[in-house]
PDB file of all heavy atoms in Angstrom:
ATOM      1  N   LYS A   1     163.951 155.490 243.907  1.00  0.00           N
ATOM      2  CA  LYS A   1     163.331 154.176 243.804  1.00  0.00           C
ATOM      3  C   LYS A   1     161.953 154.284 243.162  1.00  0.00           C
ATOM      4  O   LYS A   1     161.156 155.149 243.503  1.00  0.00           O
ATOM      5  CB  LYS A   1     163.210 153.529 245.178  1.00  0.00           C
ATOM      6  CG  LYS A   1     164.523 153.039 245.744  1.00  0.00           C
ATOM      7  CD  LYS A   1     164.329 152.384 247.109  1.00  0.00           C
ATOM      8  CE  LYS A   1     165.643 151.869 247.669  1.00  0.00           C
ATOM      9  NZ  LYS A   1     165.477 151.275 249.011  1.00  0.00           N
ATOM     10  N   GLY A   2     161.695 153.399 242.224  1.00  0.00           N
ATOM     11  CA  GLY A   2     160.430 153.401 241.517  1.00  0.00           C
ATOM     12  C   GLY A   2     160.403 154.304 240.314  1.00  0.00           C
ATOM     13  O   GLY A   2     159.468 154.229 239.510  1.00  0.00           O
ATOM     14  N   ARG A   3     161.397 155.154 240.182  1.00  0.00           N
ATOM     15  CA  ARG A   3     161.451 156.076 239.054  1.00  0.00           C
ATOM     16  C   ARG A   3     162.642 155.812 238.138  1.00  0.00           C
ATOM     17  O   ARG A   3     162.542 155.961 236.923  1.00  0.00           O
ATOM     18  CB  ARG A   3     161.510 157.527 239.543  1.00  0.00           C
ATOM     19  CG  ARG A   3     160.294 157.950 240.354  1.00  0.00           C
ATOM     20  CD  ARG A   3     160.308 159.448 240.636  1.00  0.00           C
ATOM     21  NE  ARG A   3     161.470 159.843 241.428  1.00  0.00           N
ATOM     22  CZ  ARG A   3     162.392 160.711 241.017  1.00  0.00           C
ATOM     23  NH1 ARG A   3     162.287 161.286 239.823  1.00  0.00           N
ATOM     24  NH2 ARG A   3     163.412 161.017 241.809  1.00  0.00           N
ATOM     25  N   PHE A   4     163.770 155.453 238.733  1.00  0.00           N
ATOM     26  CA  PHE A   4     164.987 155.204 237.966  1.00  0.00           C
ATOM     27  C   PHE A   4     165.272 153.711 237.907  1.00  0.00           C
ATOM     28  O   PHE A   4     164.982 152.972 238.852  1.00  0.00           O
ATOM     29  CB  PHE A   4     166.188 155.892 238.609  1.00  0.00           C
ATOM     30  CG  PHE A   4     166.173 157.393 238.561  1.00  0.00           C
ATOM     31  CD1 PHE A   4     165.050 158.097 238.140  1.00  0.00           C
ATOM     32  CD2 PHE A   4     167.299 158.104 238.942  1.00  0.00           C
ATOM     33  CE1 PHE A   4     165.039 159.484 238.103  1.00  0.00           C
ATOM     34  CE2 PHE A   4     167.305 159.489 238.909  1.00  0.00           C
ATOM     35  CZ  PHE A   4     166.182 160.180 238.489  1.00  0.00           C
ATOM     36  N   THR A   5     165.874 153.284 236.812  1.00  0.00           N
ATOM     37  CA  THR A   5     166.287 151.899 236.653  1.00  0.00           C
ATOM     38  C   THR A   5     167.700 151.844 236.100  1.00  0.00           C
ATOM     39  O   THR A   5     167.980 152.426 235.055  1.00  0.00           O
ATOM     40  CB  THR A   5     165.343 151.131 235.713  1.00  0.00           C
ATOM     41  OG1 THR A   5     164.006 151.184 236.212  1.00  0.00           O
ATOM     42  CG2 THR A   5     165.770 149.672 235.612  1.00  0.00           C
ATOM     43  N   ILE A   6     168.569 151.138 236.807  1.00  0.00           N
ATOM     44  CA  ILE A   6     169.920 150.947 236.315  1.00  0.00           C
ATOM     45  C   ILE A   6     170.002 149.590 235.638  1.00  0.00           C
ATOM     46  O   ILE A   6     169.417 148.610 236.104  1.00  0.00           O
ATOM     47  CB  ILE A   6     170.961 151.067 237.450  1.00  0.00           C
ATOM     48  CG1 ILE A   6     172.389 151.056 236.877  1.00  0.00           C
ATOM     49  CG2 ILE A   6     170.785 149.969 238.488  1.00  0.00           C
ATOM     50  CD1 ILE A   6     173.455 151.423 237.898  1.00  0.00           C
ATOM     51  N   SER A   7     170.704 149.530 234.536  1.00  0.00           N
ATOM     52  CA  SER A   7     170.859 148.291 233.802  1.00  0.00           C
ATOM     53  C   SER A   7     172.182 148.325 233.059  1.00  0.00           C
ATOM     54  O   SER A   7     172.884 149.333 233.055  1.00  0.00           O
ATOM     55  CB  SER A   7     169.699 148.076 232.823  1.00  0.00           C
ATOM     56  OG  SER A   7     169.688 149.088 231.836  1.00  0.00           O
ATOM     57  N   GLY A   8     172.502 147.221 232.433  1.00  0.00           N
ATOM     58  CA  GLY A   8     173.711 147.174 231.644  1.00  0.00           C
ATOM     59  C   GLY A   8     174.402 145.836 231.733  1.00  0.00           C
ATOM     60  O   GLY A   8     173.843 144.843 232.186  1.00  0.00           O
ATOM     61  N   ASP A   9     175.617 145.837 231.277  1.00  0.00           N
ATOM     62  CA  ASP A   9     176.444 144.642 231.280  1.00  0.00           C
ATOM     63  C   ASP A   9     177.797 145.045 231.839  1.00  0.00           C
ATOM     64  O   ASP A   9     178.643 145.592 231.125  1.00  0.00           O
ATOM     65  CB  ASP A   9     176.567 144.079 229.861  1.00  0.00           C
ATOM     66  CG  ASP A   9     177.213 142.713 229.828  1.00  0.00           C
ATOM     67  OD1 ASP A   9     177.991 142.383 230.738  1.00  0.00           O
ATOM     68  OD2 ASP A   9     176.948 141.958 228.873  1.00  0.00           O
ATOM     69  N   VAL A  10     177.977 144.786 233.097  1.00  0.00           N
ATOM     70  CA  VAL A  10     179.209 145.186 233.758  1.00  0.00           C
ATOM     71  C   VAL A  10     180.419 144.496 233.137  1.00  0.00           C
ATOM     72  O   VAL A  10     181.487 145.102 233.011  1.00  0.00           O
ATOM     73  CB  VAL A  10     179.132 144.904 235.270  1.00  0.00           C
ATOM     74  CG1 VAL A  10     180.468 145.194 235.941  1.00  0.00           C
ATOM     75  CG2 VAL A  10     178.031 145.750 235.904  1.00  0.00           C
ATOM     76  N   ALA A  11     180.246 143.235 232.738  1.00  0.00           N
ATOM     77  CA  ALA A  11     181.336 142.498 232.114  1.00  0.00           C
ATOM     78  C   ALA A  11     181.796 143.173 230.830  1.00  0.00           C
ATOM     79  O   ALA A  11     182.973 143.121 230.478  1.00  0.00           O
ATOM     80  CB  ALA A  11     180.921 141.061 231.834  1.00  0.00           C
ATOM     81  N   LYS A  12     180.864 143.797 230.132  1.00  0.00           N
ATOM     82  CA  LYS A  12     181.189 144.524 228.914  1.00  0.00           C
ATOM     83  C   LYS A  12     181.474 145.994 229.191  1.00  0.00           C
ATOM     84  O   LYS A  12     181.665 146.776 228.267  1.00  0.00           O
ATOM     85  CB  LYS A  12     180.062 144.389 227.891  1.00  0.00           C
ATOM     86  CG  LYS A  12     179.875 142.965 227.386  1.00  0.00           C
ATOM     87  CD  LYS A  12     178.786 142.884 226.325  1.00  0.00           C
ATOM     88  CE  LYS A  12     178.638 141.479 225.804  1.00  0.00           C
ATOM     89  NZ  LYS A  12     177.577 141.388 224.775  1.00  0.00           N
ATOM     90  N   LYS A  13     181.456 146.348 230.464  1.00  0.00           N
ATOM     91  CA  LYS A  13     181.808 147.693 230.910  1.00  0.00           C
ATOM     92  C   LYS A  13     180.853 148.749 230.370  1.00  0.00           C
ATOM     93  O   LYS A  13     181.268 149.840 229.965  1.00  0.00           O
ATOM     94  CB  LYS A  13     183.258 148.012 230.535  1.00  0.00           C
ATOM     95  CG  LYS A  13     184.264 147.009 231.078  1.00  0.00           C
ATOM     96  CD  LYS A  13     185.681 147.330 230.638  1.00  0.00           C
ATOM     97  CE  LYS A  13     186.689 146.358 231.245  1.00  0.00           C
ATOM     98  NZ  LYS A  13     186.482 144.974 230.772  1.00  0.00           N
ATOM     99  N   MET A  14     179.577 148.425 230.383  1.00  0.00           N
ATOM    100  CA  MET A  14     178.545 149.359 229.951  1.00  0.00           C
ATOM    101  C   MET A  14     177.433 149.411 230.984  1.00  0.00           C
ATOM    102  O   MET A  14     177.052 148.387 231.547  1.00  0.00           O
ATOM    103  CB  MET A  14     177.969 148.937 228.594  1.00  0.00           C
ATOM    104  CG  MET A  14     178.971 148.941 227.457  1.00  0.00           C
ATOM    105  SD  MET A  14     178.210 148.514 225.868  1.00  0.00           S
ATOM    106  CE  MET A  14     177.799 146.796 226.163  1.00  0.00           C
ATOM    107  N   VAL A  15     176.920 150.590 231.220  1.00  0.00           N
ATOM    108  CA  VAL A  15     175.838 150.758 232.179  1.00  0.00           C
ATOM    109  C   VAL A  15     174.920 151.882 231.710  1.00  0.00           C
ATOM    110  O   VAL A  15     175.370 152.825 231.048  1.00  0.00           O
ATOM    111  CB  VAL A  15     176.391 151.039 233.594  1.00  0.00           C
ATOM    112  CG1 VAL A  15     177.084 152.400 233.654  1.00  0.00           C
ATOM    113  CG2 VAL A  15     175.297 150.937 234.636  1.00  0.00           C
ATOM    114  N   TYR A  16     173.634 151.759 232.070  1.00  0.00           N
ATOM    115  CA  TYR A  16     172.640 152.732 231.672  1.00  0.00           C
ATOM    116  C   TYR A  16     171.806 153.136 232.877  1.00  0.00           C
ATOM    117  O   TYR A  16     171.704 152.409 233.851  1.00  0.00           O
ATOM    118  CB  TYR A  16     171.713 152.154 230.596  1.00  0.00           C
ATOM    119  CG  TYR A  16     172.456 151.538 229.435  1.00  0.00           C
ATOM    120  CD1 TYR A  16     172.759 150.184 229.421  1.00  0.00           C
ATOM    121  CD2 TYR A  16     172.865 152.320 228.356  1.00  0.00           C
ATOM    122  CE1 TYR A  16     173.454 149.617 228.366  1.00  0.00           C
ATOM    123  CE2 TYR A  16     173.559 151.766 227.296  1.00  0.00           C
ATOM    124  CZ  TYR A  16     173.853 150.412 227.302  1.00  0.00           C
ATOM    125  OH  TYR A  16     174.538 149.861 226.254  1.00  0.00           O
ATOM    126  N   LEU A  17     171.209 154.287 232.780  1.00  0.00           N
ATOM    127  CA  LEU A  17     170.288 154.742 233.809  1.00  0.00           C
ATOM    128  C   LEU A  17     169.062 155.321 233.134  1.00  0.00           C
ATOM    129  O   LEU A  17     169.137 156.387 232.512  1.00  0.00           O
ATOM    130  CB  LEU A  17     170.938 155.792 234.716  1.00  0.00           C
ATOM    131  CG  LEU A  17     170.083 156.253 235.895  1.00  0.00           C
ATOM    132  CD1 LEU A  17     169.908 155.115 236.904  1.00  0.00           C
ATOM    133  CD2 LEU A  17     170.710 157.463 236.584  1.00  0.00           C
ATOM    134  N   GLN A  18     167.950 154.612 233.244  1.00  0.00           N
ATOM    135  CA  GLN A  18     166.684 155.101 232.731  1.00  0.00           C
ATOM    136  C   GLN A  18     166.013 155.914 233.816  1.00  0.00           C
ATOM    137  O   GLN A  18     165.747 155.401 234.900  1.00  0.00           O
ATOM    138  CB  GLN A  18     165.783 153.940 232.305  1.00  0.00           C
ATOM    139  CG  GLN A  18     164.426 154.358 231.775  1.00  0.00           C
ATOM    140  CD  GLN A  18     164.514 155.127 230.478  1.00  0.00           C
ATOM    141  OE1 GLN A  18     165.244 154.737 229.580  1.00  0.00           O
ATOM    142  NE2 GLN A  18     163.778 156.219 230.385  1.00  0.00           N
ATOM    143  N   MET A  19     165.737 157.165 233.531  1.00  0.00           N
ATOM    144  CA  MET A  19     165.152 158.074 234.502  1.00  0.00           C
ATOM    145  C   MET A  19     163.775 158.495 234.024  1.00  0.00           C
ATOM    146  O   MET A  19     163.642 159.150 232.987  1.00  0.00           O
ATOM    147  CB  MET A  19     166.049 159.293 234.708  1.00  0.00           C
ATOM    148  CG  MET A  19     167.476 158.955 235.116  1.00  0.00           C
ATOM    149  SD  MET A  19     168.473 160.430 235.477  1.00  0.00           S
ATOM    150  CE  MET A  19     168.573 161.134 233.826  1.00  0.00           C
ATOM    151  N   ASN A  20     162.762 158.115 234.777  1.00  0.00           N
ATOM    152  CA  ASN A  20     161.385 158.461 234.459  1.00  0.00           C
ATOM    153  C   ASN A  20     160.810 159.356 235.548  1.00  0.00           C
ATOM    154  O   ASN A  20     161.333 159.431 236.656  1.00  0.00           O
ATOM    155  CB  ASN A  20     160.532 157.196 234.322  1.00  0.00           C
ATOM    156  CG  ASN A  20     160.984 156.292 233.208  1.00  0.00           C
ATOM    157  OD1 ASN A  20     161.441 156.743 232.164  1.00  0.00           O
ATOM    158  ND2 ASN A  20     160.845 154.978 233.419  1.00  0.00           N
ATOM    159  N   ALA A  21     159.703 159.996 235.224  1.00  0.00           N
ATOM    160  CA  ALA A  21     159.016 160.864 236.181  1.00  0.00           C
ATOM    161  C   ALA A  21     159.984 161.826 236.851  1.00  0.00           C
ATOM    162  O   ALA A  21     159.990 161.985 238.072  1.00  0.00           O
ATOM    163  CB  ALA A  21     158.274 160.019 237.216  1.00  0.00           C
ATOM    164  N   LEU A  22     160.792 162.458 236.042  1.00  0.00           N
ATOM    165  CA  LEU A  22     161.817 163.343 236.571  1.00  0.00           C
ATOM    166  C   LEU A  22     161.217 164.540 237.298  1.00  0.00           C
ATOM    167  O   LEU A  22     160.180 165.068 236.911  1.00  0.00           O
ATOM    168  CB  LEU A  22     162.724 163.815 235.446  1.00  0.00           C
ATOM    169  CG  LEU A  22     163.747 162.772 234.979  1.00  0.00           C
ATOM    170  CD1 LEU A  22     164.296 163.132 233.611  1.00  0.00           C
ATOM    171  CD2 LEU A  22     164.875 162.664 236.003  1.00  0.00           C
ATOM    172  N   LYS A  23     161.900 164.936 238.350  1.00  0.00           N
ATOM    173  CA  LYS A  23     161.497 166.056 239.179  1.00  0.00           C
ATOM    174  C   LYS A  23     162.577 167.129 239.153  1.00  0.00           C
ATOM    175  O   LYS A  23     163.746 166.822 238.917  1.00  0.00           O
ATOM    176  CB  LYS A  23     161.276 165.598 240.622  1.00  0.00           C
ATOM    177  CG  LYS A  23     160.282 164.469 240.791  1.00  0.00           C
ATOM    178  CD  LYS A  23     160.240 164.003 242.239  1.00  0.00           C
ATOM    179  CE  LYS A  23     159.269 162.862 242.434  1.00  0.00           C
ATOM    180  NZ  LYS A  23     159.245 162.400 243.850  1.00  0.00           N
ATOM    181  N   PRO A  24     162.219 168.370 239.425  1.00  0.00           N
ATOM    182  CA  PRO A  24     163.240 169.421 239.471  1.00  0.00           C
ATOM    183  C   PRO A  24     164.371 169.104 240.432  1.00  0.00           C
ATOM    184  O   PRO A  24     165.527 169.480 240.164  1.00  0.00           O
ATOM    185  CB  PRO A  24     162.451 170.655 239.916  1.00  0.00           C
ATOM    186  CG  PRO A  24     161.079 170.415 239.384  1.00  0.00           C
ATOM    187  CD  PRO A  24     160.857 168.932 239.556  1.00  0.00           C
ATOM    188  N   GLU A  25     164.085 168.420 241.528  1.00  0.00           N
ATOM    189  CA  GLU A  25     165.125 168.079 242.481  1.00  0.00           C
ATOM    190  C   GLU A  25     166.098 167.026 241.966  1.00  0.00           C
ATOM    191  O   GLU A  25     167.108 166.740 242.615  1.00  0.00           O
ATOM    192  CB  GLU A  25     164.522 167.618 243.818  1.00  0.00           C
ATOM    193  CG  GLU A  25     163.453 166.554 243.677  1.00  0.00           C
ATOM    194  CD  GLU A  25     162.046 167.121 243.695  1.00  0.00           C
ATOM    195  OE1 GLU A  25     161.806 168.143 243.026  1.00  0.00           O
ATOM    196  OE2 GLU A  25     161.184 166.538 244.388  1.00  0.00           O
ATOM    197  N   ASP A  26     165.812 166.442 240.812  1.00  0.00           N
ATOM    198  CA  ASP A  26     166.754 165.531 240.181  1.00  0.00           C
ATOM    199  C   ASP A  26     167.848 166.270 239.416  1.00  0.00           C
ATOM    200  O   ASP A  26     168.797 165.646 238.936  1.00  0.00           O
ATOM    201  CB  ASP A  26     166.030 164.582 239.216  1.00  0.00           C
ATOM    202  CG  ASP A  26     165.082 163.634 239.923  1.00  0.00           C
ATOM    203  OD1 ASP A  26     165.447 163.108 240.996  1.00  0.00           O
ATOM    204  OD2 ASP A  26     163.978 163.409 239.397  1.00  0.00           O
ATOM    205  N   THR A  27     167.697 167.560 239.282  1.00  0.00           N
ATOM    206  CA  THR A  27     168.686 168.363 238.573  1.00  0.00           C
ATOM    207  C   THR A  27     170.045 168.240 239.240  1.00  0.00           C
ATOM    208  O   THR A  27     170.187 168.493 240.436  1.00  0.00           O
ATOM    209  CB  THR A  27     168.253 169.827 238.525  1.00  0.00           C
ATOM    210  OG1 THR A  27     167.057 169.952 237.755  1.00  0.00           O
ATOM    211  CG2 THR A  27     169.342 170.694 237.889  1.00  0.00           C
ATOM    212  N   ALA A  28     171.034 167.844 238.471  1.00  0.00           N
ATOM    213  CA  ALA A  28     172.378 167.635 239.000  1.00  0.00           C
ATOM    214  C   ALA A  28     173.301 167.239 237.863  1.00  0.00           C
ATOM    215  O   ALA A  28     172.857 166.967 236.749  1.00  0.00           O
ATOM    216  CB  ALA A  28     172.373 166.536 240.066  1.00  0.00           C
TER     217      ALA A  28
END
């Protein structure tokens, strides 16, 4: 929360994930 943002158009079957201020623990 506060670092990632999900967006997109579900009706068009598209989704995005903007990831900012990434940390090593985000590795996956």
